[in-house]
Amino acid sequence: MAETEWWKSFYAGLWLDVLRQFKTEELTRAEADFIEKELQLAPRAKVLDVPCGAGRLSLELASRGYRVTGVDLTLPLLDDARRKAAERQLEIAWEHRDMCDLPWKEEFDGAFCFGGSFGYFDEQGNADFLEAVCRALKPGARFVLDAIITEVHLRHQDCAWGQVGDILILQELHYDHVQSRARFDWILVHKGKVEKKFSSIRLYTYHELCQWFEVVGFVNCRGYGSLSHEPFRLGAQKFFLVATKRG
């Protein structure tokens, strides 16, 4: 399998268990607060969550009265999302499709992409995703992106252990300065079971990302370094970009 298609097999096995435990309810509410404020959503606004994973943010925003559509390629995660929505009696449209395959035109009042899910593809694929989101938004609607960018990620350790629940995780980072891509080699250990995976992300700088947004039809790009809406500065641990569809 080509490295550019790593995501087709990545979200399976122990990694699904990691995703199901990784984010706390408190963090989910804080992220939803940030999204809600930055998208400037009116009551009953239509919101696109892409990719939505197991739907934790879709569920939170739907519980606040918004009409949410969640898009993801991984069926086990969508099954989790559907089950949780049914348990909470929330009406959410779940779409099983590639994140670049967004068939809507000027349908949504806002959109967001969270969880570091941008940069999976090659240059054209990443542009296709941004164009698809822009096309799906109404003129003047906003898009919020939670991205891994060069200025943040190259400050991280090359090798580090972590733990989610009772799953041990080793991450090794290898940066290709020619392609501006970071390859992550992962080892997951749980009760004697060991799984090895890799992922690959195109790392853009703040400036490059704003340029791409403007090319596909966004304006007024603003970067934040935290969920507290602090302007992005070098040394920040996170990066959120907010932009408005032209027109």
C-alpha atoms as a PDB file:
ATOM      1  CA  MET A   1       0.000   0.000   0.000  1.00  0.00           C
ATOM      2  CA  ALA A   2       1.331   3.436  -0.916  1.00  0.00           C
ATOM      3  CA  GLU A   3       2.318   5.570   2.045  1.00  0.00           C
ATOM      4  CA  THR A   4      -0.095   8.245   0.850  1.00  0.00           C
ATOM      5  CA  GLU A   5      -2.977   5.820   1.569  1.00  0.00           C
ATOM      6  CA  TRP A   6      -1.995   4.857   5.120  1.00  0.00           C
ATOM      7  CA  TRP A   7      -5.344   6.033   6.515  1.00  0.00           C
ATOM      8  CA  LYS A   8      -7.248   3.244   4.746  1.00  0.00           C
ATOM      9  CA  SER A   9      -5.966   0.638   7.228  1.00  0.00           C
ATOM     10  CA  PHE A  10      -4.837   2.784  10.170  1.00  0.00           C
ATOM     11  CA  TYR A  11      -8.142   3.111  12.025  1.00  0.00           C
ATOM     12  CA  ALA A  12      -8.583  -0.450  13.223  1.00  0.00           C
ATOM     13  CA  GLY A  13      -7.584  -2.723  16.099  1.00  0.00           C
ATOM     14  CA  LEU A  14      -6.125  -1.096  19.204  1.00  0.00           C
ATOM     15  CA  TRP A  15      -6.188   2.352  17.630  1.00  0.00           C
ATOM     16  CA  LEU A  16      -9.990   2.297  17.725  1.00  0.00           C
ATOM     17  CA  ASP A  17      -9.791   1.624  21.461  1.00  0.00           C
ATOM     18  CA  VAL A  18      -7.393   4.565  21.837  1.00  0.00           C
ATOM     19  CA  LEU A  19      -9.783   6.898  20.008  1.00  0.00           C
ATOM     20  CA  ARG A  20     -12.709   5.784  22.154  1.00  0.00           C
ATOM     21  CA  GLN A  21     -10.857   6.787  25.341  1.00  0.00           C
ATOM     22  CA  PHE A  22      -8.572   9.604  24.254  1.00  0.00           C
ATOM     23  CA  LYS A  23     -10.704  12.763  24.689  1.00  0.00           C
ATOM     24  CA  THR A  24     -12.511  13.578  27.931  1.00  0.00           C
ATOM     25  CA  GLU A  25     -16.043  14.949  28.126  1.00  0.00           C
ATOM     26  CA  GLU A  26     -14.599  18.167  29.545  1.00  0.00           C
ATOM     27  CA  LEU A  27     -12.311  18.615  26.521  1.00  0.00           C
ATOM     28  CA  THR A  28     -15.156  17.796  24.136  1.00  0.00           C
ATOM     29  CA  ARG A  29     -17.290  20.534  25.680  1.00  0.00           C
ATOM     30  CA  ALA A  30     -14.396  23.016  25.523  1.00  0.00           C
ATOM     31  CA  GLU A  31     -13.749  22.231  21.852  1.00  0.00           C
ATOM     32  CA  ALA A  32     -17.471  22.522  21.063  1.00  0.00           C
ATOM     33  CA  ASP A  33     -17.548  25.913  22.850  1.00  0.00           C
ATOM     34  CA  PHE A  34     -14.647  27.085  20.672  1.00  0.00           C
ATOM     35  CA  ILE A  35     -16.272  25.822  17.466  1.00  0.00           C
ATOM     36  CA  GLU A  36     -19.651  27.307  18.370  1.00  0.00           C
ATOM     37  CA  LYS A  37     -18.160  30.732  19.053  1.00  0.00           C
ATOM     38  CA  GLU A  38     -15.805  30.867  16.067  1.00  0.00           C
ATOM     39  CA  LEU A  39     -18.435  29.660  13.592  1.00  0.00           C
ATOM     40  CA  GLN A  40     -20.849  32.302  14.929  1.00  0.00           C
ATOM     41  CA  LEU A  41     -23.708  29.829  14.694  1.00  0.00           C
ATOM     42  CA  ALA A  42     -27.326  30.947  14.748  1.00  0.00           C
ATOM     43  CA  PRO A  43     -29.928  28.690  16.414  1.00  0.00           C
ATOM     44  CA  ARG A  44     -30.644  25.559  14.338  1.00  0.00           C
ATOM     45  CA  ALA A  45     -27.672  26.253  12.056  1.00  0.00           C
ATOM     46  CA  LYS A  46     -26.517  23.449   9.749  1.00  0.00           C
ATOM     47  CA  VAL A  47     -22.995  22.290  10.614  1.00  0.00           C
ATOM     48  CA  LEU A  48     -20.578  19.919   8.846  1.00  0.00           C
ATOM     49  CA  ASP A  49     -18.149  17.786  10.899  1.00  0.00           C
ATOM     50  CA  VAL A  50     -15.523  16.232   8.604  1.00  0.00           C
ATOM     51  CA  PRO A  51     -14.082  13.783   9.405  1.00  0.00           C
ATOM     52  CA  CYS A  52     -16.267  13.110  12.417  1.00  0.00           C
ATOM     53  CA  GLY A  53     -14.747   9.874  13.771  1.00  0.00           C
ATOM     54  CA  ALA A  54     -17.016   8.461  16.474  1.00  0.00           C
ATOM     55  CA  GLY A  55     -18.963  11.708  16.479  1.00  0.00           C
ATOM     56  CA  ARG A  56     -18.096  13.129  19.888  1.00  0.00           C
ATOM     57  CA  LEU A  57     -18.221  16.754  18.649  1.00  0.00           C
ATOM     58  CA  SER A  58     -21.202  16.116  16.380  1.00  0.00           C
ATOM     59  CA  LEU A  59     -23.091  14.701  19.349  1.00  0.00           C
ATOM     60  CA  GLU A  60     -22.212  17.636  21.587  1.00  0.00           C
ATOM     61  CA  LEU A  61     -23.241  20.235  19.002  1.00  0.00           C
ATOM     62  CA  ALA A  62     -26.448  18.370  18.151  1.00  0.00           C
ATOM     63  CA  SER A  63     -27.317  18.363  21.853  1.00  0.00           C
ATOM     64  CA  ARG A  64     -27.114  22.185  21.675  1.00  0.00           C
ATOM     65  CA  GLY A  65     -29.750  22.298  18.951  1.00  0.00           C
ATOM     66  CA  TYR A  66     -27.662  22.444  15.782  1.00  0.00           C
ATOM     67  CA  ARG A  67     -28.417  20.344  12.700  1.00  0.00           C
ATOM     68  CA  VAL A  68     -25.237  18.347  12.235  1.00  0.00           C
ATOM     69  CA  THR A  69     -23.900  16.186   9.410  1.00  0.00           C
ATOM     70  CA  GLY A  70     -20.926  13.950  10.240  1.00  0.00           C
ATOM     71  CA  VAL A  71     -18.722  12.454   7.513  1.00  0.00           C
ATOM     72  CA  ASP A  72     -16.203   9.660   8.001  1.00  0.00           C
ATOM     73  CA  LEU A  73     -14.637   6.775   6.076  1.00  0.00           C
ATOM     74  CA  THR A  74     -14.221   4.376   9.032  1.00  0.00           C
ATOM     75  CA  LEU A  75     -17.379   2.299   9.485  1.00  0.00           C
ATOM     76  CA  PRO A  76     -16.685   1.069  13.052  1.00  0.00           C
ATOM     77  CA  LEU A  77     -16.411   4.687  14.206  1.00  0.00           C
ATOM     78  CA  LEU A  78     -19.611   5.649  12.379  1.00  0.00           C
ATOM     79  CA  ASP A  79     -21.359   2.674  13.978  1.00  0.00           C
ATOM     80  CA  ASP A  80     -20.264   4.005  17.394  1.00  0.00           C
ATOM     81  CA  ALA A  81     -21.581   7.441  16.439  1.00  0.00           C
ATOM     82  CA  ARG A  82     -24.959   6.111  15.299  1.00  0.00           C
ATOM     83  CA  ARG A  83     -25.368   4.072  18.483  1.00  0.00           C
ATOM     84  CA  LYS A  84     -24.558   7.023  20.744  1.00  0.00           C
ATOM     85  CA  ALA A  85     -26.903   9.316  18.811  1.00  0.00           C
ATOM     86  CA  ALA A  86     -29.720   6.781  19.158  1.00  0.00           C
ATOM     87  CA  GLU A  87     -29.065   6.412  22.893  1.00  0.00           C
ATOM     88  CA  ARG A  88     -29.258  10.189  23.341  1.00  0.00           C
ATOM     89  CA  GLN A  89     -32.175  10.557  20.900  1.00  0.00           C
ATOM     90  CA  LEU A  90     -30.257  13.026  18.742  1.00  0.00           C
ATOM     91  CA  GLU A  91     -30.968  13.431  15.044  1.00  0.00           C
ATOM     92  CA  ILE A  92     -27.663  13.580  13.158  1.00  0.00           C
ATOM     93  CA  ALA A  93     -27.001  12.785   9.495  1.00  0.00           C
ATOM     94  CA  TRP A  94     -24.102  10.314   9.315  1.00  0.00           C
ATOM     95  CA  GLU A  95     -22.396   9.941   5.935  1.00  0.00           C
ATOM     96  CA  HIS A  96     -20.004   7.103   5.087  1.00  0.00           C
ATOM     97  CA  ARG A  97     -17.693   8.713   2.546  1.00  0.00           C
ATOM     98  CA  ASP A  98     -14.177  10.005   1.944  1.00  0.00           C
ATOM     99  CA  MET A  99     -13.510  13.420   3.488  1.00  0.00           C
ATOM    100  CA  CYS A 100     -12.803  14.851   0.005  1.00  0.00           C
ATOM    101  CA  ASP A 101     -16.104  13.477  -1.322  1.00  0.00           C
ATOM    102  CA  LEU A 102     -18.518  16.165  -0.150  1.00  0.00           C
ATOM    103  CA  PRO A 103     -21.442  16.408  -2.613  1.00  0.00           C
ATOM    104  CA  TRP A 104     -23.087  19.506  -1.124  1.00  0.00           C
ATOM    105  CA  LYS A 105     -23.114  23.014  -2.575  1.00  0.00           C
ATOM    106  CA  GLU A 106     -23.735  26.033  -0.333  1.00  0.00           C
ATOM    107  CA  GLU A 107     -25.544  23.796   2.165  1.00  0.00           C
ATOM    108  CA  PHE A 108     -23.916  24.518   5.536  1.00  0.00           C
ATOM    109  CA  ASP A 109     -23.739  27.502   7.877  1.00  0.00           C
ATOM    110  CA  GLY A 110     -20.390  26.338   9.247  1.00  0.00           C
ATOM    111  CA  ALA A 111     -17.899  23.465   9.113  1.00  0.00           C
ATOM    112  CA  PHE A 112     -15.024  22.137  11.185  1.00  0.00           C
ATOM    113  CA  CYS A 113     -12.215  19.588  10.935  1.00  0.00           C
ATOM    114  CA  PHE A 114     -10.779  18.559  14.316  1.00  0.00           C
ATOM    115  CA  GLY A 115      -8.439  15.898  15.659  1.00  0.00           C
ATOM    116  CA  GLY A 116      -5.412  16.731  13.495  1.00  0.00           C
ATOM    117  CA  SER A 117      -7.128  15.156  10.493  1.00  0.00           C
ATOM    118  CA  PHE A 118      -5.781  17.551   7.855  1.00  0.00           C
ATOM    119  CA  GLY A 119      -2.707  16.831   5.739  1.00  0.00           C
ATOM    120  CA  TYR A 120      -3.222  13.099   5.133  1.00  0.00           C
ATOM    121  CA  PHE A 121      -3.085  13.405   1.355  1.00  0.00           C
ATOM    122  CA  ASP A 122      -0.656  14.655  -1.261  1.00  0.00           C
ATOM    123  CA  GLU A 123      -0.701  18.327  -2.263  1.00  0.00           C
ATOM    124  CA  GLN A 124      -3.610  17.939  -4.672  1.00  0.00           C
ATOM    125  CA  GLY A 125      -5.620  15.809  -2.254  1.00  0.00           C
ATOM    126  CA  ASN A 126      -5.284  18.341   0.558  1.00  0.00           C
ATOM    127  CA  ALA A 127      -6.367  21.117  -1.822  1.00  0.00           C
ATOM    128  CA  ASP A 128      -9.308  18.975  -2.968  1.00  0.00           C
ATOM    129  CA  PHE A 129     -10.463  18.653   0.651  1.00  0.00           C
ATOM    130  CA  LEU A 130     -10.333  22.408   1.263  1.00  0.00           C
ATOM    131  CA  GLU A 131     -12.156  23.057  -2.017  1.00  0.00           C
ATOM    132  CA  ALA A 132     -14.847  20.504  -1.122  1.00  0.00           C
ATOM    133  CA  VAL A 133     -15.438  22.132   2.272  1.00  0.00           C
ATOM    134  CA  CYS A 134     -15.530  25.607   0.727  1.00  0.00           C
ATOM    135  CA  ARG A 135     -18.042  24.469  -1.893  1.00  0.00           C
ATOM    136  CA  ALA A 136     -20.294  22.926   0.786  1.00  0.00           C
ATOM    137  CA  LEU A 137     -20.466  26.181   2.777  1.00  0.00           C
ATOM    138  CA  LYS A 138     -22.832  29.070   2.211  1.00  0.00           C
ATOM    139  CA  PRO A 139     -21.139  32.365   1.241  1.00  0.00           C
ATOM    140  CA  GLY A 140     -19.944  34.104   4.381  1.00  0.00           C
ATOM    141  CA  ALA A 141     -19.923  30.874   6.419  1.00  0.00           C
ATOM    142  CA  ARG A 142     -16.884  29.961   8.497  1.00  0.00           C
ATOM    143  CA  PHE A 143     -14.581  26.956   8.673  1.00  0.00           C
ATOM    144  CA  VAL A 144     -12.518  25.970  11.735  1.00  0.00           C
ATOM    145  CA  LEU A 145      -9.480  23.719  11.269  1.00  0.00           C
ATOM    146  CA  ASP A 146      -7.537  22.015  14.064  1.00  0.00           C
ATOM    147  CA  ALA A 147      -4.234  21.356  12.278  1.00  0.00           C
ATOM    148  CA  ILE A 148      -0.741  20.056  12.896  1.00  0.00           C
ATOM    149  CA  ILE A 149       1.602  22.709  11.495  1.00  0.00           C
ATOM    150  CA  THR A 150       5.372  22.905  11.203  1.00  0.00           C
ATOM    151  CA  GLU A 151       5.846  25.615  13.833  1.00  0.00           C
ATOM    152  CA  VAL A 152       4.162  23.469  16.488  1.00  0.00           C
ATOM    153  CA  HIS A 153       5.085  19.930  15.694  1.00  0.00           C
ATOM    154  CA  LEU A 154       8.808  20.132  15.076  1.00  0.00           C
ATOM    155  CA  ARG A 155       9.204  21.213  18.699  1.00  0.00           C
ATOM    156  CA  HIS A 156       7.958  17.788  19.839  1.00  0.00           C
ATOM    157  CA  GLN A 157      10.199  14.913  20.881  1.00  0.00           C
ATOM    158  CA  ASP A 158      11.362  12.498  18.202  1.00  0.00           C
ATOM    159  CA  CYS A 159      10.432   9.530  20.393  1.00  0.00           C
ATOM    160  CA  ALA A 160       7.992   9.379  23.289  1.00  0.00           C
ATOM    161  CA  TRP A 161       5.910   6.935  25.303  1.00  0.00           C
ATOM    162  CA  GLY A 162       2.336   7.617  26.340  1.00  0.00           C
ATOM    163  CA  GLN A 163      -0.630   5.783  27.784  1.00  0.00           C
ATOM    164  CA  VAL A 164      -4.367   5.913  27.071  1.00  0.00           C
ATOM    165  CA  GLY A 165      -6.338   3.816  29.535  1.00  0.00           C
ATOM    166  CA  ASP A 166      -4.406   0.567  29.782  1.00  0.00           C
ATOM    167  CA  ILE A 167      -2.899   0.852  26.283  1.00  0.00           C
ATOM    168  CA  LEU A 168       0.786   1.820  26.064  1.00  0.00           C
ATOM    169  CA  ILE A 169       1.804   3.843  23.004  1.00  0.00           C
ATOM    170  CA  LEU A 170       5.259   4.528  21.563  1.00  0.00           C
ATOM    171  CA  GLN A 171       5.499   7.266  18.931  1.00  0.00           C
ATOM    172  CA  GLU A 172       8.561   7.914  16.761  1.00  0.00           C
ATOM    173  CA  LEU A 173       8.650  10.993  14.540  1.00  0.00           C
ATOM    174  CA  HIS A 174      10.639  11.137  11.298  1.00  0.00           C
ATOM    175  CA  TYR A 175      10.546  14.421   9.373  1.00  0.00           C
ATOM    176  CA  ASP A 176      11.192  14.512   5.612  1.00  0.00           C
ATOM    177  CA  HIS A 177      12.317  18.090   4.925  1.00  0.00           C
ATOM    178  CA  VAL A 178      12.220  17.527   1.150  1.00  0.00           C
ATOM    179  CA  GLN A 179       8.530  16.599   1.092  1.00  0.00           C
ATOM    180  CA  SER A 180       7.599  18.541   4.269  1.00  0.00           C
ATOM    181  CA  ARG A 181       5.960  15.417   5.648  1.00  0.00           C
ATOM    182  CA  ALA A 182       6.119  13.914   9.116  1.00  0.00           C
ATOM    183  CA  ARG A 183       5.993  10.136   9.369  1.00  0.00           C
ATOM    184  CA  PHE A 184       4.889   8.702  12.708  1.00  0.00           C
ATOM    185  CA  ASP A 185       5.730   5.102  13.574  1.00  0.00           C
ATOM    186  CA  TRP A 186       3.498   3.755  16.329  1.00  0.00           C
ATOM    187  CA  ILE A 187       3.728   0.733  18.625  1.00  0.00           C
ATOM    188  CA  LEU A 188       0.615  -0.052  20.689  1.00  0.00           C
ATOM    189  CA  VAL A 189       0.777  -2.592  23.525  1.00  0.00           C
ATOM    190  CA  HIS A 190      -2.197  -4.006  25.418  1.00  0.00           C
ATOM    191  CA  LYS A 191      -2.231  -7.157  27.572  1.00  0.00           C
ATOM    192  CA  GLY A 192       0.565  -8.790  25.610  1.00  0.00           C
ATOM    193  CA  LYS A 193      -0.836  -7.771  22.241  1.00  0.00           C
ATOM    194  CA  VAL A 194       1.426  -5.571  20.097  1.00  0.00           C
ATOM    195  CA  GLU A 195       0.363  -3.638  17.016  1.00  0.00           C
ATOM    196  CA  LYS A 196       2.592  -1.557  14.734  1.00  0.00           C
ATOM    197  CA  LYS A 197       1.237   1.234  12.548  1.00  0.00           C
ATOM    198  CA  PHE A 198       2.419   4.339  10.732  1.00  0.00           C
ATOM    199  CA  SER A 199       0.827   7.601   9.703  1.00  0.00           C
ATOM    200  CA  SER A 200       2.042  10.429   7.476  1.00  0.00           C
ATOM    201  CA  ILE A 201       1.047  14.090   7.584  1.00  0.00           C
ATOM    202  CA  ARG A 202       1.964  16.950   5.256  1.00  0.00           C
ATOM    203  CA  LEU A 203       3.151  19.725   7.575  1.00  0.00           C
ATOM    204  CA  TYR A 204       2.329  23.221   6.360  1.00  0.00           C
ATOM    205  CA  THR A 205       3.578  26.432   7.909  1.00  0.00           C
ATOM    206  CA  TYR A 206       1.057  28.997   9.112  1.00  0.00           C
ATOM    207  CA  HIS A 207       1.775  31.107   6.031  1.00  0.00           C
ATOM    208  CA  GLU A 208       1.441  28.212   3.576  1.00  0.00           C
ATOM    209  CA  LEU A 209      -1.862  27.116   5.077  1.00  0.00           C
ATOM    210  CA  CYS A 210      -3.334  30.612   4.846  1.00  0.00           C
ATOM    211  CA  GLN A 211      -2.228  30.773   1.201  1.00  0.00           C
ATOM    212  CA  TRP A 212      -4.009  27.498   0.390  1.00  0.00           C
ATOM    213  CA  PHE A 213      -7.171  28.702   2.113  1.00  0.00           C
ATOM    214  CA  GLU A 214      -7.165  31.874   0.040  1.00  0.00           C
ATOM    215  CA  VAL A 215      -6.577  29.967  -3.212  1.00  0.00           C
ATOM    216  CA  VAL A 216      -9.670  27.778  -2.725  1.00  0.00           C
ATOM    217  CA  GLY A 217     -11.983  30.640  -1.742  1.00  0.00           C
ATOM    218  CA  PHE A 218     -11.538  31.584   1.923  1.00  0.00           C
ATOM    219  CA  VAL A 219     -10.651  35.001   3.351  1.00  0.00           C
ATOM    220  CA  ASN A 220      -9.851  36.527   6.752  1.00  0.00           C
ATOM    221  CA  CYS A 221      -7.672  33.663   8.027  1.00  0.00           C
ATOM    222  CA  ARG A 222      -6.914  33.898  11.743  1.00  0.00           C
ATOM    223  CA  GLY A 223      -4.755  31.563  13.793  1.00  0.00           C
ATOM    224  CA  TYR A 224      -5.235  30.701  17.470  1.00  0.00           C
ATOM    225  CA  GLY A 225      -2.879  28.913  19.825  1.00  0.00           C
ATOM    226  CA  SER A 226      -5.442  27.582  22.296  1.00  0.00           C
ATOM    227  CA  LEU A 227      -9.136  27.007  22.928  1.00  0.00           C
ATOM    228  CA  SER A 228      -9.060  30.261  24.910  1.00  0.00           C
ATOM    229  CA  HIS A 229      -8.921  32.175  21.586  1.00  0.00           C
ATOM    230  CA  GLU A 230      -5.373  33.419  22.178  1.00  0.00           C
ATOM    231  CA  PRO A 231      -3.697  34.527  18.918  1.00  0.00           C
ATOM    232  CA  PHE A 232      -1.190  31.973  17.668  1.00  0.00           C
ATOM    233  CA  ARG A 233       2.432  32.641  18.593  1.00  0.00           C
ATOM    234  CA  LEU A 234       5.588  30.542  18.400  1.00  0.00           C
ATOM    235  CA  GLY A 235       5.689  28.287  21.423  1.00  0.00           C
ATOM    236  CA  ALA A 236       1.974  27.456  21.333  1.00  0.00           C
ATOM    237  CA  GLN A 237       1.133  23.778  21.755  1.00  0.00           C
ATOM    238  CA  LYS A 238      -1.896  23.839  19.442  1.00  0.00           C
ATOM    239  CA  PHE A 239      -3.010  25.541  16.234  1.00  0.00           C
ATOM    240  CA  PHE A 240      -6.536  26.419  15.121  1.00  0.00           C
ATOM    241  CA  LEU A 241      -7.245  28.273  11.879  1.00  0.00           C
ATOM    242  CA  VAL A 242     -10.540  30.099  11.306  1.00  0.00           C
ATOM    243  CA  ALA A 243     -11.503  31.414   7.885  1.00  0.00           C
ATOM    244  CA  THR A 244     -14.600  32.740   6.087  1.00  0.00           C
ATOM    245  CA  LYS A 245     -15.896  31.662   2.704  1.00  0.00           C
ATOM    246  CA  ARG A 246     -15.572  34.527   0.244  1.00  0.00           C
ATOM    247  CA  GLY A 247     -18.778  36.269  -0.786  1.00  0.00           C
END
